[in-house]
Amino acid sequence: MSTYTATISWTRPAGAPFKDMKFSRAHEWRFDGGTVVPASAAPKVVPPPMSRADAVDPEEGFIASLSSCHMLFFLFFAARGGFVVDRYEDEAVGELGKNAKGVMAMTKVTLRPKIAWAEKVPTAEELDALHHKAHEGCYIANSVLSEIVIEPR
C-alpha cells in the first residue's frame, strides 16, 4: 500500500473578523515534493473578495485529478500498444448538482481529450479501447462515485 500526503493550510489574518462569515477562504495546498498551490473556495460558491479567482478550488482540483490520472494511464497504454503520442490536451468539465441522496456532489465529469499522434493513428475501436483501459486503470476514477464520461475531440 502506498500513501500520499498533502498539507492544507489556512490562517486567519490577525484581528480579521470570522463569525460574520466574511472571512477569506484563500489557503494553500502543499505537496511532499515542495510544490505550493494557491487554493480557495470556488468564486461561484463564495464570491470575491472572500475567495480568490486566481487560485485552484477543490472542485477544479477534483476534475484535474481525474483528468490527469486518465491521461497518465492512457499514455502508458498507448505506448504499450505501439502508438506515439505527441500531445494530449483535455478540457475536462465537472457538473456539480444533487446526487441520488439529495446532497450536493460532483455528479458528472466529462473528459474531453484531444490527442495528436506522431505516427500510426489508432482506429476508432483502438482509441475506444485505450480510453476504456485508461479509465479502468485510473486510481482516482476507481475511488469516486461520479459519472465519468470520455468524449475524445
N, C-alpha and C. Protein backbone atom coordinates (compact mmCIF):
# COMPACT_ATOMS: atom_id res chain seq x y z
N MET A 1 0.84 -1.19 0.00
CA MET A 1 0.00 0.00 0.00
C MET A 1 0.88 1.24 0.00
N SER A 2 0.53 2.21 -0.82
CA SER A 2 1.25 3.48 -0.87
C SER A 2 0.41 4.55 -0.19
N THR A 3 1.08 5.52 0.38
CA THR A 3 0.37 6.67 0.95
C THR A 3 0.89 7.94 0.30
N TYR A 4 0.04 8.94 0.23
CA TYR A 4 0.36 10.22 -0.37
C TYR A 4 -0.08 11.30 0.60
N THR A 5 0.63 12.42 0.60
CA THR A 5 0.28 13.47 1.54
C THR A 5 0.08 14.81 0.84
N ALA A 6 -0.77 15.60 1.41
CA ALA A 6 -0.95 16.99 1.03
C ALA A 6 -1.24 17.73 2.33
N THR A 7 -0.64 18.89 2.48
CA THR A 7 -0.89 19.71 3.66
C THR A 7 -1.72 20.91 3.23
N ILE A 8 -2.86 21.07 3.84
CA ILE A 8 -3.76 22.17 3.54
C ILE A 8 -3.66 23.15 4.70
N SER A 9 -3.37 24.44 4.37
CA SER A 9 -3.11 25.41 5.42
C SER A 9 -3.89 26.70 5.19
N TRP A 10 -4.61 27.13 6.23
CA TRP A 10 -5.35 28.39 6.22
C TRP A 10 -5.08 29.10 7.53
N THR A 11 -4.88 30.41 7.48
CA THR A 11 -4.65 31.20 8.68
C THR A 11 -5.51 32.45 8.62
N ARG A 12 -6.21 32.74 9.68
CA ARG A 12 -6.99 33.98 9.76
C ARG A 12 -6.03 35.12 10.04
N PRO A 13 -6.07 36.17 9.20
CA PRO A 13 -5.22 37.32 9.47
C PRO A 13 -5.52 37.91 10.85
N ALA A 14 -4.49 38.37 11.53
CA ALA A 14 -4.64 38.91 12.89
C ALA A 14 -5.75 39.96 12.95
N GLY A 15 -6.68 39.74 13.84
CA GLY A 15 -7.76 40.70 14.05
C GLY A 15 -8.88 40.66 13.02
N ALA A 16 -8.75 39.83 11.99
CA ALA A 16 -9.79 39.77 10.95
C ALA A 16 -11.05 39.13 11.51
N PRO A 17 -12.22 39.64 11.10
CA PRO A 17 -13.47 39.03 11.59
C PRO A 17 -13.61 37.58 11.10
N PHE A 18 -14.39 36.82 11.82
CA PHE A 18 -14.61 35.42 11.44
C PHE A 18 -16.08 35.03 11.56
N LYS A 19 -16.69 35.33 12.69
CA LYS A 19 -18.07 34.90 12.94
C LYS A 19 -19.08 35.51 11.98
N ASP A 20 -18.70 36.60 11.30
CA ASP A 20 -19.62 37.23 10.35
C ASP A 20 -19.67 36.49 9.02
N MET A 21 -18.89 35.41 8.88
CA MET A 21 -18.83 34.57 7.68
C MET A 21 -18.20 35.26 6.47
N LYS A 22 -17.57 36.41 6.69
CA LYS A 22 -16.95 37.15 5.58
C LYS A 22 -15.44 36.95 5.55
N PHE A 23 -14.96 35.88 6.16
CA PHE A 23 -13.53 35.60 6.19
C PHE A 23 -13.04 35.10 4.82
N SER A 24 -11.77 35.30 4.58
CA SER A 24 -11.16 34.83 3.33
C SER A 24 -11.08 33.31 3.33
N ARG A 25 -11.41 32.74 2.18
CA ARG A 25 -11.28 31.28 2.02
C ARG A 25 -9.97 30.91 1.33
N ALA A 26 -9.11 31.88 1.07
CA ALA A 26 -7.81 31.62 0.43
C ALA A 26 -6.94 30.78 1.37
N HIS A 27 -6.28 29.78 0.80
CA HIS A 27 -5.41 28.91 1.57
C HIS A 27 -4.36 28.31 0.64
N GLU A 28 -3.56 27.39 1.14
CA GLU A 28 -2.52 26.76 0.31
C GLU A 28 -2.62 25.24 0.38
N TRP A 29 -2.28 24.64 -0.75
CA TRP A 29 -2.07 23.19 -0.81
C TRP A 29 -0.56 23.00 -0.92
N ARG A 30 0.02 22.24 -0.02
CA ARG A 30 1.46 21.94 -0.07
C ARG A 30 1.63 20.43 -0.27
N PHE A 31 2.48 20.09 -1.24
CA PHE A 31 2.70 18.69 -1.57
C PHE A 31 4.11 18.27 -1.18
N ASP A 32 4.30 16.96 -0.97
CA ASP A 32 5.56 16.45 -0.45
C ASP A 32 6.78 16.76 -1.31
N GLY A 33 6.59 17.05 -2.59
CA GLY A 33 7.71 17.39 -3.46
C GLY A 33 8.12 18.85 -3.36
N GLY A 34 7.40 19.65 -2.57
CA GLY A 34 7.73 21.05 -2.39
C GLY A 34 6.83 22.02 -3.12
N THR A 35 5.95 21.52 -3.97
CA THR A 35 5.06 22.41 -4.71
C THR A 35 4.01 23.01 -3.77
N VAL A 36 3.79 24.31 -3.92
CA VAL A 36 2.76 25.01 -3.17
C VAL A 36 1.78 25.59 -4.18
N VAL A 37 0.50 25.29 -4.00
CA VAL A 37 -0.54 25.74 -4.92
C VAL A 37 -1.50 26.66 -4.17
N PRO A 38 -1.70 27.88 -4.68
CA PRO A 38 -2.71 28.73 -4.05
C PRO A 38 -4.09 28.13 -4.29
N ALA A 39 -4.89 28.07 -3.25
CA ALA A 39 -6.21 27.45 -3.34
C ALA A 39 -7.24 28.36 -2.67
N SER A 40 -8.49 28.12 -2.96
CA SER A 40 -9.57 28.94 -2.42
C SER A 40 -10.89 28.23 -2.64
N ALA A 41 -11.92 28.73 -1.99
CA ALA A 41 -13.27 28.29 -2.33
C ALA A 41 -13.55 28.76 -3.75
N ALA A 42 -14.43 28.08 -4.44
CA ALA A 42 -14.79 28.48 -5.80
C ALA A 42 -15.52 29.82 -5.77
N PRO A 43 -15.12 30.76 -6.63
CA PRO A 43 -15.82 32.04 -6.68
C PRO A 43 -17.31 31.90 -7.03
N LYS A 44 -17.69 30.78 -7.66
CA LYS A 44 -19.10 30.53 -7.96
C LYS A 44 -19.88 30.20 -6.68
N VAL A 45 -19.15 29.75 -5.65
CA VAL A 45 -19.78 29.36 -4.38
C VAL A 45 -19.63 30.48 -3.34
N VAL A 46 -18.42 31.01 -3.22
CA VAL A 46 -18.13 32.09 -2.28
C VAL A 46 -17.58 33.26 -3.08
N PRO A 47 -18.32 34.35 -3.18
CA PRO A 47 -17.90 35.46 -4.04
C PRO A 47 -16.64 36.16 -3.53
N PRO A 48 -15.83 36.70 -4.47
CA PRO A 48 -14.70 37.54 -4.05
C PRO A 48 -15.23 38.75 -3.29
N PRO A 49 -14.54 39.32 -2.37
CA PRO A 49 -13.14 39.09 -2.04
C PRO A 49 -12.92 37.97 -1.02
N MET A 50 -13.99 37.24 -0.68
CA MET A 50 -13.83 36.15 0.30
C MET A 50 -13.22 34.90 -0.36
N SER A 51 -13.10 34.90 -1.69
CA SER A 51 -12.44 33.82 -2.42
C SER A 51 -11.44 34.45 -3.39
N ARG A 52 -10.59 33.63 -3.95
CA ARG A 52 -9.59 34.09 -4.92
C ARG A 52 -9.86 33.42 -6.26
N ALA A 53 -10.20 34.22 -7.25
CA ALA A 53 -10.48 33.67 -8.58
C ALA A 53 -9.22 33.09 -9.23
N ASP A 54 -8.04 33.57 -8.84
CA ASP A 54 -6.79 33.11 -9.45
C ASP A 54 -6.20 31.88 -8.76
N ALA A 55 -6.94 31.29 -7.84
CA ALA A 55 -6.46 30.11 -7.12
C ALA A 55 -7.26 28.88 -7.56
N VAL A 56 -6.72 27.72 -7.28
CA VAL A 56 -7.41 26.47 -7.59
C VAL A 56 -8.43 26.20 -6.50
N ASP A 57 -9.65 25.85 -6.91
CA ASP A 57 -10.64 25.49 -5.90
C ASP A 57 -10.77 23.97 -5.86
N PRO A 58 -11.33 23.41 -4.79
CA PRO A 58 -11.41 21.95 -4.66
C PRO A 58 -12.12 21.28 -5.83
N GLU A 59 -13.14 21.94 -6.38
CA GLU A 59 -13.86 21.35 -7.50
C GLU A 59 -12.94 21.21 -8.71
N GLU A 60 -12.17 22.27 -9.01
CA GLU A 60 -11.21 22.22 -10.12
C GLU A 60 -10.13 21.17 -9.86
N GLY A 61 -9.67 21.10 -8.62
CA GLY A 61 -8.65 20.11 -8.26
C GLY A 61 -9.15 18.69 -8.47
N PHE A 62 -10.40 18.45 -8.13
CA PHE A 62 -11.02 17.13 -8.30
C PHE A 62 -11.05 16.76 -9.79
N ILE A 63 -11.51 17.69 -10.61
CA ILE A 63 -11.60 17.45 -12.06
C ILE A 63 -10.21 17.23 -12.65
N ALA A 64 -9.26 18.08 -12.27
CA ALA A 64 -7.89 17.95 -12.78
C ALA A 64 -7.27 16.62 -12.36
N SER A 65 -7.55 16.17 -11.15
CA SER A 65 -7.03 14.90 -10.66
C SER A 65 -7.54 13.74 -11.51
N LEU A 66 -8.83 13.72 -11.81
CA LEU A 66 -9.39 12.67 -12.67
C LEU A 66 -8.79 12.72 -14.07
N SER A 67 -8.71 13.92 -14.62
CA SER A 67 -8.18 14.09 -15.97
C SER A 67 -6.72 13.66 -16.06
N SER A 68 -5.93 14.09 -15.11
CA SER A 68 -4.50 13.77 -15.10
C SER A 68 -4.27 12.27 -14.96
N CYS A 69 -5.01 11.63 -14.07
CA CYS A 69 -4.88 10.19 -13.86
C CYS A 69 -5.24 9.43 -15.14
N HIS A 70 -6.36 9.82 -15.76
CA HIS A 70 -6.78 9.17 -17.00
C HIS A 70 -5.70 9.33 -18.07
N MET A 71 -5.16 10.55 -18.21
CA MET A 71 -4.13 10.81 -19.22
C MET A 71 -2.90 9.94 -19.00
N LEU A 72 -2.44 9.85 -17.76
CA LEU A 72 -1.22 9.07 -17.49
C LEU A 72 -1.41 7.60 -17.84
N PHE A 73 -2.56 7.04 -17.52
CA PHE A 73 -2.83 5.65 -17.90
C PHE A 73 -3.00 5.53 -19.42
N PHE A 74 -3.65 6.51 -20.04
CA PHE A 74 -3.82 6.49 -21.49
C PHE A 74 -2.47 6.48 -22.19
N LEU A 75 -1.56 7.36 -21.77
CA LEU A 75 -0.22 7.42 -22.38
C LEU A 75 0.51 6.08 -22.21
N PHE A 76 0.38 5.48 -21.04
CA PHE A 76 1.00 4.19 -20.78
C PHE A 76 0.48 3.13 -21.75
N PHE A 77 -0.85 3.02 -21.86
CA PHE A 77 -1.43 2.00 -22.73
C PHE A 77 -1.18 2.30 -24.21
N ALA A 78 -1.14 3.57 -24.59
CA ALA A 78 -0.84 3.93 -25.98
C ALA A 78 0.58 3.50 -26.34
N ALA A 79 1.54 3.80 -25.47
CA ALA A 79 2.93 3.41 -25.72
C ALA A 79 3.05 1.89 -25.79
N ARG A 80 2.41 1.21 -24.86
CA ARG A 80 2.45 -0.25 -24.84
C ARG A 80 1.81 -0.83 -26.09
N GLY A 81 0.85 -0.13 -26.68
CA GLY A 81 0.18 -0.59 -27.89
C GLY A 81 0.89 -0.21 -29.17
N GLY A 82 2.06 0.45 -29.04
CA GLY A 82 2.84 0.80 -30.22
C GLY A 82 2.49 2.15 -30.85
N PHE A 83 1.69 2.96 -30.15
CA PHE A 83 1.32 4.27 -30.65
C PHE A 83 2.24 5.33 -30.06
N VAL A 84 2.46 6.41 -30.81
CA VAL A 84 3.29 7.51 -30.33
C VAL A 84 2.42 8.76 -30.23
N VAL A 85 2.30 9.29 -29.02
CA VAL A 85 1.51 10.49 -28.77
C VAL A 85 2.44 11.69 -28.72
N ASP A 86 2.12 12.73 -29.51
CA ASP A 86 2.88 13.98 -29.47
C ASP A 86 2.30 14.97 -28.47
N ARG A 87 1.00 14.98 -28.35
CA ARG A 87 0.34 15.95 -27.45
C ARG A 87 -0.99 15.37 -26.99
N TYR A 88 -1.30 15.65 -25.74
CA TYR A 88 -2.57 15.23 -25.14
C TYR A 88 -3.08 16.44 -24.37
N GLU A 89 -4.25 16.90 -24.70
CA GLU A 89 -4.84 18.05 -24.01
C GLU A 89 -6.29 17.72 -23.69
N ASP A 90 -6.68 17.98 -22.46
CA ASP A 90 -8.03 17.67 -22.03
C ASP A 90 -8.69 18.92 -21.46
N GLU A 91 -9.83 19.26 -21.98
CA GLU A 91 -10.65 20.35 -21.42
C GLU A 91 -11.77 19.68 -20.63
N ALA A 92 -11.45 19.21 -19.45
CA ALA A 92 -12.39 18.47 -18.61
C ALA A 92 -13.42 19.41 -17.99
N VAL A 93 -14.63 18.91 -17.84
CA VAL A 93 -15.73 19.69 -17.28
C VAL A 93 -16.41 18.88 -16.18
N GLY A 94 -16.63 19.51 -15.04
CA GLY A 94 -17.34 18.85 -13.95
C GLY A 94 -18.69 19.50 -13.72
N GLU A 95 -19.67 18.70 -13.38
CA GLU A 95 -21.01 19.19 -13.10
C GLU A 95 -21.35 18.96 -11.63
N LEU A 96 -21.60 20.05 -10.95
CA LEU A 96 -21.97 19.99 -9.55
C LEU A 96 -23.50 20.02 -9.45
N GLY A 97 -24.06 19.08 -8.73
CA GLY A 97 -25.51 19.03 -8.59
C GLY A 97 -25.87 18.10 -7.45
N LYS A 98 -27.14 17.88 -7.27
CA LYS A 98 -27.58 16.98 -6.20
C LYS A 98 -27.49 15.54 -6.68
N ASN A 99 -26.94 14.70 -5.82
CA ASN A 99 -26.83 13.27 -6.15
C ASN A 99 -28.11 12.55 -5.74
N ALA A 100 -28.09 11.23 -5.82
CA ALA A 100 -29.28 10.42 -5.50
C ALA A 100 -29.74 10.59 -4.06
N LYS A 101 -28.83 10.98 -3.17
CA LYS A 101 -29.18 11.20 -1.77
C LYS A 101 -29.70 12.62 -1.53
N GLY A 102 -29.69 13.45 -2.59
CA GLY A 102 -30.18 14.82 -2.47
C GLY A 102 -29.17 15.81 -1.93
N VAL A 103 -27.89 15.41 -1.87
CA VAL A 103 -26.85 16.32 -1.38
C VAL A 103 -25.97 16.76 -2.55
N MET A 104 -25.36 17.94 -2.40
CA MET A 104 -24.51 18.47 -3.47
C MET A 104 -23.27 17.59 -3.63
N ALA A 105 -22.95 17.29 -4.89
CA ALA A 105 -21.81 16.44 -5.21
C ALA A 105 -21.37 16.74 -6.64
N MET A 106 -20.16 16.37 -6.95
CA MET A 106 -19.69 16.42 -8.34
C MET A 106 -20.31 15.19 -8.99
N THR A 107 -21.42 15.38 -9.67
CA THR A 107 -22.20 14.25 -10.17
C THR A 107 -21.69 13.70 -11.49
N LYS A 108 -21.03 14.53 -12.28
CA LYS A 108 -20.56 14.07 -13.58
C LYS A 108 -19.29 14.83 -13.95
N VAL A 109 -18.33 14.11 -14.48
CA VAL A 109 -17.11 14.72 -15.01
C VAL A 109 -16.95 14.21 -16.44
N THR A 110 -16.82 15.15 -17.36
CA THR A 110 -16.61 14.79 -18.76
C THR A 110 -15.18 15.13 -19.14
N LEU A 111 -14.45 14.11 -19.54
CA LEU A 111 -13.08 14.28 -20.03
C LEU A 111 -13.18 14.44 -21.54
N ARG A 112 -12.50 15.46 -22.07
CA ARG A 112 -12.60 15.77 -23.50
C ARG A 112 -11.20 15.83 -24.12
N PRO A 113 -10.49 14.70 -24.13
CA PRO A 113 -9.11 14.71 -24.62
C PRO A 113 -9.00 14.94 -26.12
N LYS A 114 -8.01 15.73 -26.47
CA LYS A 114 -7.64 15.96 -27.87
C LYS A 114 -6.20 15.48 -27.99
N ILE A 115 -5.97 14.52 -28.88
CA ILE A 115 -4.68 13.84 -28.94
C ILE A 115 -4.06 14.02 -30.32
N ALA A 116 -2.79 14.40 -30.34
CA ALA A 116 -2.03 14.48 -31.59
C ALA A 116 -1.09 13.27 -31.63
N TRP A 117 -1.15 12.54 -32.72
CA TRP A 117 -0.37 11.30 -32.89
C TRP A 117 0.81 11.58 -33.79
N ALA A 118 1.96 10.95 -33.51
CA ALA A 118 3.17 11.16 -34.30
C ALA A 118 3.22 10.25 -35.51
N GLU A 119 2.75 9.06 -35.37
CA GLU A 119 2.89 8.07 -36.45
C GLU A 119 1.53 7.48 -36.75
N LYS A 120 1.40 6.21 -36.49
CA LYS A 120 0.16 5.48 -36.73
C LYS A 120 -0.95 6.04 -35.84
N VAL A 121 -2.08 6.36 -36.45
CA VAL A 121 -3.25 6.83 -35.71
C VAL A 121 -4.15 5.63 -35.43
N PRO A 122 -4.58 5.48 -34.18
CA PRO A 122 -5.43 4.32 -33.87
C PRO A 122 -6.78 4.44 -34.56
N THR A 123 -7.36 3.29 -34.84
CA THR A 123 -8.72 3.25 -35.38
C THR A 123 -9.67 3.71 -34.26
N ALA A 124 -10.91 3.96 -34.60
CA ALA A 124 -11.90 4.35 -33.60
C ALA A 124 -12.03 3.28 -32.52
N GLU A 125 -11.98 2.02 -32.93
CA GLU A 125 -12.10 0.92 -31.96
C GLU A 125 -10.87 0.86 -31.05
N GLU A 126 -9.67 1.06 -31.62
CA GLU A 126 -8.45 1.04 -30.82
C GLU A 126 -8.43 2.22 -29.84
N LEU A 127 -8.86 3.39 -30.30
CA LEU A 127 -8.92 4.57 -29.43
C LEU A 127 -9.89 4.34 -28.28
N ASP A 128 -11.04 3.78 -28.60
CA ASP A 128 -12.03 3.45 -27.58
C ASP A 128 -11.44 2.49 -26.55
N ALA A 129 -10.73 1.49 -27.02
CA ALA A 129 -10.13 0.50 -26.12
C ALA A 129 -9.07 1.14 -25.22
N LEU A 130 -8.27 2.06 -25.79
CA LEU A 130 -7.24 2.75 -24.99
C LEU A 130 -7.90 3.57 -23.88
N HIS A 131 -8.96 4.30 -24.22
CA HIS A 131 -9.66 5.08 -23.19
C HIS A 131 -10.33 4.18 -22.16
N HIS A 132 -10.88 3.06 -22.59
CA HIS A 132 -11.51 2.13 -21.66
C HIS A 132 -10.47 1.58 -20.67
N LYS A 133 -9.32 1.16 -21.19
CA LYS A 133 -8.25 0.64 -20.32
C LYS A 133 -7.78 1.72 -19.35
N ALA A 134 -7.61 2.95 -19.87
CA ALA A 134 -7.16 4.05 -19.01
C ALA A 134 -8.16 4.31 -17.90
N HIS A 135 -9.44 4.31 -18.24
CA HIS A 135 -10.48 4.55 -17.24
C HIS A 135 -10.49 3.44 -16.20
N GLU A 136 -10.39 2.21 -16.66
CA GLU A 136 -10.39 1.06 -15.73
C GLU A 136 -9.17 1.08 -14.82
N GLY A 137 -8.04 1.58 -15.32
CA GLY A 137 -6.81 1.59 -14.53
C GLY A 137 -6.67 2.78 -13.60
N CYS A 138 -7.37 3.86 -13.88
CA CYS A 138 -7.20 5.11 -13.12
C CYS A 138 -7.61 4.94 -11.67
N TYR A 139 -6.66 5.15 -10.77
CA TYR A 139 -6.91 5.02 -9.34
C TYR A 139 -7.97 6.01 -8.86
N ILE A 140 -7.92 7.21 -9.40
CA ILE A 140 -8.86 8.24 -8.95
C ILE A 140 -10.27 7.89 -9.41
N ALA A 141 -10.42 7.51 -10.68
CA ALA A 141 -11.75 7.12 -11.18
C ALA A 141 -12.30 5.94 -10.38
N ASN A 142 -11.43 5.04 -9.96
CA ASN A 142 -11.86 3.90 -9.17
C ASN A 142 -12.25 4.28 -7.74
N SER A 143 -11.97 5.53 -7.35
CA SER A 143 -12.20 5.98 -5.99
C SER A 143 -13.43 6.86 -5.82
N VAL A 144 -14.10 7.20 -6.91
CA VAL A 144 -15.22 8.14 -6.82
C VAL A 144 -16.53 7.55 -7.33
N LEU A 145 -17.62 8.18 -6.96
CA LEU A 145 -18.94 7.74 -7.39
C LEU A 145 -19.46 8.54 -8.59
N SER A 146 -18.79 9.64 -8.92
CA SER A 146 -19.25 10.48 -10.02
C SER A 146 -19.27 9.72 -11.34
N GLU A 147 -20.23 10.04 -12.17
CA GLU A 147 -20.23 9.51 -13.53
C GLU A 147 -19.06 10.15 -14.27
N ILE A 148 -18.30 9.36 -14.99
CA ILE A 148 -17.18 9.88 -15.77
C ILE A 148 -17.41 9.51 -17.22
N VAL A 149 -17.48 10.52 -18.06
CA VAL A 149 -17.74 10.36 -19.49
C VAL A 149 -16.49 10.78 -20.24
N ILE A 150 -16.12 10.04 -21.28
CA ILE A 150 -14.96 10.38 -22.10
C ILE A 150 -15.45 10.70 -23.50
N GLU A 151 -15.19 11.94 -23.93
CA GLU A 151 -15.59 12.41 -25.25
C GLU A 151 -14.36 12.89 -26.01
N PRO A 152 -13.64 11.99 -26.70
CA PRO A 152 -12.47 12.44 -27.45
C PRO A 152 -12.86 13.52 -28.47
N ARG A 153 -11.98 14.50 -28.62
CA ARG A 153 -12.24 15.59 -29.57
C ARG A 153 -11.39 15.40 -30.81
